[in-house]
C-alpha cells in the first residue's frame, strides 16, 4: 500500500495512483481534508444551497477551486471518491513536472453491467429468460470428437438417449470441463435445478478412450 507521512500538515505519499487515491479517500473520511504539495482535497462552501452547506472539491493553495464534481455526482455520494482520484492525479502531475491529464469521467455502472458480467444478456442486450421450473436437474458433459472436446449441459434423461447438441468445443478436456461447469453455474443463476455436490456442479467426462478407462 502507499506510504503516507505528515509533514507540516501535509501528506507526502508514494505508491501507484490507485494506492494514492485509496489512501486519500481514507484520509478524507477520517479528517475531512488532505493537503498535498500543490493542492488540497476537502470541502468548500456550496454557494447554490447556502446555509452553511459544503461541497467536496480540490483547491490549490491559494484557495481557487480547480475541480468540483457535478451536482449529480454530489447527490449520489460519489464526490468524495472522485475528489480523491482527481487530487491524486493533480499531485502526481505536479510532482513529475508535467501538465495534468484532462479529467475524464468514469462510466457509470448499472444493473446491466452486472447482468452482462454474469452472462445473463444475449448479444442484443436482452435479459435471458429464466429456466422453467423442472425437478430434473441438469449436468454438464464433455465428449471427444476426433481431436476436439465438445461440451454442454443436458438433463440426465436426455443424455441417456444420446440426443445431445454441444454448446461449444475446445482443444483440451480440462478446458471443456471448466466451460461446462461455467454453463451450469449460469443455468443455476437463471433458476435451473443443477446436479452437483457441495456447491460444485457435476460435469461428466465422456471423452476418455476405452483403453484409457481400463488403465489403473
Protein backbone atom coordinates (compact mmCIF):
# COMPACT_ATOMS: atom_id res chain seq x y z
CA UNK A 1 0.00 0.00 0.00
CA UNK A 2 1.03 3.61 -0.39
CA UNK A 3 3.04 5.05 2.46
CA UNK A 4 1.85 8.33 3.95
CA UNK A 5 3.71 10.66 6.28
CA UNK A 6 2.50 14.00 7.62
CA UNK A 7 4.97 16.88 7.40
CA UNK A 8 3.83 20.32 8.50
CA UNK A 9 0.19 19.36 7.96
CA UNK A 10 0.82 17.99 4.50
CA UNK A 11 0.84 14.42 3.27
CA UNK A 12 3.85 13.02 1.45
CA UNK A 13 2.96 9.78 -0.28
CA UNK A 14 4.42 7.12 -2.53
CA UNK A 15 2.91 4.24 -4.48
CA UNK A 16 0.69 3.73 -7.52
CA UNK A 17 -2.04 6.17 -8.45
CA UNK A 18 -4.63 3.64 -7.29
CA UNK A 19 -2.93 3.33 -3.89
CA UNK A 20 -2.61 7.09 -3.54
CA UNK A 21 -6.28 7.57 -4.40
CA UNK A 22 -7.29 4.92 -1.87
CA UNK A 23 -5.19 6.46 0.88
CA UNK A 24 -6.55 9.92 0.07
CA UNK A 25 -10.14 8.69 0.31
CA UNK A 26 -9.41 7.12 3.72
CA UNK A 27 -7.81 10.34 4.95
CA UNK A 28 -10.79 12.39 3.74
CA UNK A 29 -13.16 10.10 5.63
CA UNK A 30 -11.10 10.47 8.80
CA UNK A 31 -10.15 14.16 8.72
CA UNK A 32 -12.22 15.81 6.02
CA UNK A 33 -9.16 17.35 4.33
CA UNK A 34 -5.92 16.24 2.70
CA UNK A 35 -3.13 18.71 1.88
CA UNK A 36 -0.61 17.91 -0.84
CA UNK A 37 2.35 19.81 -2.22
CA UNK A 38 0.25 21.93 -4.57
CA UNK A 39 -3.39 21.06 -3.93
CA UNK A 40 -5.87 20.49 -1.12
CA UNK A 41 -8.74 18.00 -1.16
CA UNK A 42 -11.66 18.85 1.10
CA UNK A 43 -14.88 20.82 1.11
CA UNK A 44 -15.77 24.35 0.04
CA UNK A 45 -18.93 26.41 0.72
CA UNK A 46 -21.85 25.48 -1.51
CA UNK A 47 -22.88 28.87 -2.88
CA UNK A 48 -26.00 27.47 -4.54
CA UNK A 49 -27.51 25.92 -1.42
CA UNK A 50 -26.17 28.33 1.19
CA UNK A 51 -26.99 27.87 4.85
CA UNK A 52 -23.55 26.51 5.64
CA UNK A 53 -23.77 23.67 3.09
CA UNK A 54 -20.45 22.48 1.68
CA UNK A 55 -19.30 20.50 -1.34
CA UNK A 56 -16.31 18.24 -1.99
CA UNK A 57 -13.69 19.87 -4.20
CA UNK A 58 -9.99 20.18 -4.97
CA UNK A 59 -8.45 23.64 -4.50
CA UNK A 60 -4.95 24.99 -4.94
CA UNK A 61 -3.04 26.56 -2.05
CA UNK A 62 -4.42 29.99 -2.93
CA UNK A 63 -7.94 28.68 -2.35
CA UNK A 64 -9.03 28.63 -6.00
CA UNK A 65 -11.23 25.66 -6.92
CA UNK A 66 -9.60 23.52 -9.61
CA UNK A 67 -12.01 20.58 -9.57
CA UNK A 68 -15.55 20.05 -8.32
CA UNK A 69 -17.76 17.02 -9.10
CA UNK A 70 -21.05 17.61 -10.85
CA UNK A 71 -24.29 18.06 -8.91
CA UNK A 72 -25.48 14.56 -9.81
CA UNK A 73 -22.25 13.05 -8.52
CA UNK A 74 -22.57 15.02 -5.29
CA UNK A 75 -26.09 13.70 -4.75
CA UNK A 76 -25.07 10.08 -5.39
CA UNK A 77 -22.33 10.14 -2.72
CA UNK A 78 -19.63 9.74 -5.36
CA UNK A 79 -17.99 13.13 -4.82
CA UNK A 80 -15.53 12.12 -2.09
CA UNK A 81 -14.01 9.37 -4.20
CA UNK A 82 -13.91 11.50 -7.35
CA UNK A 83 -12.15 14.27 -5.44
CA UNK A 84 -9.67 11.76 -4.01
CA UNK A 85 -8.89 10.47 -7.51
CA UNK A 86 -8.53 13.92 -9.10
CA UNK A 87 -6.42 15.19 -6.20
CA UNK A 88 -4.06 12.23 -6.65
CA UNK A 89 -3.87 12.82 -10.41
CA UNK A 90 -3.08 16.52 -9.97
CA UNK A 91 -0.49 15.89 -7.26
CA UNK A 92 1.24 13.23 -9.34
CA UNK A 93 1.42 15.55 -12.35
CA UNK A 94 2.79 18.35 -10.19
CA UNK A 95 5.46 16.11 -8.65
CA UNK A 96 6.51 14.88 -12.10
CA UNK A 97 6.54 18.40 -13.52
CA UNK A 98 4.10 17.60 -16.34
CA UNK A 99 0.70 19.09 -17.27
CA UNK A 100 -2.16 17.12 -15.69
CA UNK A 101 -4.30 14.97 -17.95
CA UNK A 102 -7.82 16.33 -18.58
CA UNK A 103 -10.42 14.97 -16.19
CA UNK A 104 -12.29 12.02 -17.70
CA UNK A 105 -15.50 10.89 -16.00
CA UNK A 106 -15.61 7.16 -15.38
CA UNK A 107 -18.52 5.30 -17.00
CA UNK A 108 -21.42 4.69 -14.64
CA UNK A 109 -22.15 1.10 -13.68
CA UNK A 110 -25.74 -0.03 -13.95
CA UNK A 111 -27.55 -3.29 -13.29
CA UNK A 112 -26.97 -4.16 -16.95
CA UNK A 113 -23.20 -4.20 -16.34
CA UNK A 114 -23.70 -6.82 -13.63
CA UNK A 115 -26.04 -8.86 -15.81
CA UNK A 116 -23.53 -8.75 -18.66
CA UNK A 117 -20.71 -9.93 -16.38
CA UNK A 118 -22.89 -12.80 -15.16
CA UNK A 119 -23.62 -13.80 -18.76
CA UNK A 120 -27.32 -13.05 -18.42
CA UNK A 121 -27.61 -10.84 -21.52
CA UNK A 122 -27.75 -12.04 -25.10
CA UNK A 123 -25.84 -10.38 -27.96
CA UNK A 124 -28.63 -7.82 -28.43
CA UNK A 125 -28.58 -6.85 -24.75
CA UNK A 126 -31.80 -8.65 -23.82
CA UNK A 127 -32.05 -10.41 -20.46
CA UNK A 128 -32.03 -14.17 -20.92
CA UNK A 129 -35.25 -15.94 -20.00
CA UNK A 130 -35.22 -17.88 -16.75
CA UNK A 131 -35.48 -21.66 -16.81
CA UNK A 132 -38.96 -23.09 -16.31
CA UNK A 133 -39.32 -24.94 -13.01
CA UNK A 134 -38.26 -28.55 -13.57
CA UNK A 135 -37.33 -31.04 -10.83
CA UNK A 136 -34.99 -32.94 -13.16
CA UNK A 137 -31.51 -31.49 -12.69
CA UNK A 138 -29.03 -30.50 -15.37
CA UNK A 139 -25.50 -31.80 -15.51
CA UNK A 140 -22.55 -30.88 -17.66
CA UNK A 141 -20.82 -33.19 -20.10
CA UNK A 142 -17.67 -33.41 -22.20
CA UNK A 143 -17.39 -35.60 -25.31
CA UNK A 144 -14.49 -36.12 -27.69
CA UNK A 145 -14.94 -35.73 -31.42
CA UNK A 146 -11.63 -36.50 -33.11
CA UNK A 147 -9.14 -34.10 -31.56
CA UNK A 148 -11.83 -31.69 -30.36
CA UNK A 149 -13.58 -31.75 -26.99
CA UNK A 150 -17.22 -30.67 -27.12
CA UNK A 151 -19.13 -29.60 -24.02
CA UNK A 152 -22.60 -28.59 -22.92
CA UNK A 153 -25.35 -29.08 -20.34
CA UNK A 154 -28.18 -31.56 -20.56
CA UNK A 155 -30.78 -33.41 -18.50
CA UNK A 156 -29.75 -36.91 -17.47
CA UNK A 157 -32.75 -38.47 -19.23
CA UNK A 158 -31.76 -36.73 -22.48
CA UNK A 159 -28.13 -37.79 -22.10
CA UNK A 160 -29.16 -41.45 -21.80
CA UNK A 161 -30.89 -41.29 -25.18
CA UNK A 162 -27.74 -39.96 -26.84
CA UNK A 163 -29.52 -36.97 -28.39
CA UNK A 164 -27.28 -34.09 -27.29
CA UNK A 165 -26.30 -30.86 -29.00
CA UNK A 166 -23.00 -29.46 -27.67
CA UNK A 167 -22.79 -25.78 -26.83
CA UNK A 168 -19.16 -25.37 -27.86
CA UNK A 169 -15.81 -27.05 -28.33
CA UNK A 170 -12.16 -26.56 -27.37
CA UNK A 171 -8.83 -28.35 -27.62
CA UNK A 172 -8.47 -29.90 -24.15
CA UNK A 173 -10.70 -31.92 -21.86
CA UNK A 174 -9.75 -29.75 -18.88
CA UNK A 175 -10.87 -26.56 -20.63
CA UNK A 176 -14.08 -28.25 -21.79
CA UNK A 177 -14.88 -29.34 -18.23
CA UNK A 178 -14.31 -25.80 -16.96
CA UNK A 179 -16.59 -24.32 -19.59
CA UNK A 180 -19.29 -26.90 -18.91
CA UNK A 181 -19.08 -26.03 -15.23
CA UNK A 182 -19.47 -22.32 -16.06
CA UNK A 183 -22.57 -23.11 -18.14
CA UNK A 184 -24.06 -24.97 -15.18
CA UNK A 185 -23.40 -22.03 -12.88
CA UNK A 186 -25.11 -19.73 -15.37
CA UNK A 187 -28.07 -22.12 -15.57
CA UNK A 188 -28.23 -22.12 -11.76
CA UNK A 189 -28.39 -18.32 -11.72
CA UNK A 190 -31.24 -18.48 -14.26
CA UNK A 191 -33.27 -20.72 -11.97
CA UNK A 192 -32.45 -24.22 -13.22
CA UNK A 193 -32.01 -27.24 -10.97
CA UNK A 194 -28.37 -28.31 -11.25
CA UNK A 195 -26.80 -31.62 -10.26
CA UNK A 196 -23.76 -31.32 -8.02
CA UNK A 197 -22.35 -31.59 -4.53
CA UNK A 198 -21.08 -29.03 -2.01
CA UNK A 199 -21.68 -26.18 -4.43
CA UNK A 200 -19.67 -27.80 -7.24
CA UNK A 201 -21.69 -28.52 -10.41
CA UNK A 202 -21.50 -32.07 -11.74
CA UNK A 203 -19.72 -32.50 -15.08
CA UNK A 204 -19.49 -35.99 -16.59
CA UNK A 205 -16.48 -36.59 -18.84
CA UNK A 206 -17.27 -38.93 -21.72
CA UNK A 207 -14.15 -38.04 -23.68
CA UNK A 208 -11.80 -40.77 -22.39
CA UNK A 209 -10.86 -43.55 -24.79
CA UNK A 210 -11.94 -47.10 -23.79
CA UNK A 211 -8.32 -48.17 -23.20
CA UNK A 212 -7.70 -45.10 -21.06
CA UNK A 213 -10.69 -46.01 -18.87
CA UNK A 214 -9.25 -49.50 -18.34
CA UNK A 215 -5.90 -48.18 -17.11
CA UNK A 216 -5.37 -48.31 -13.30
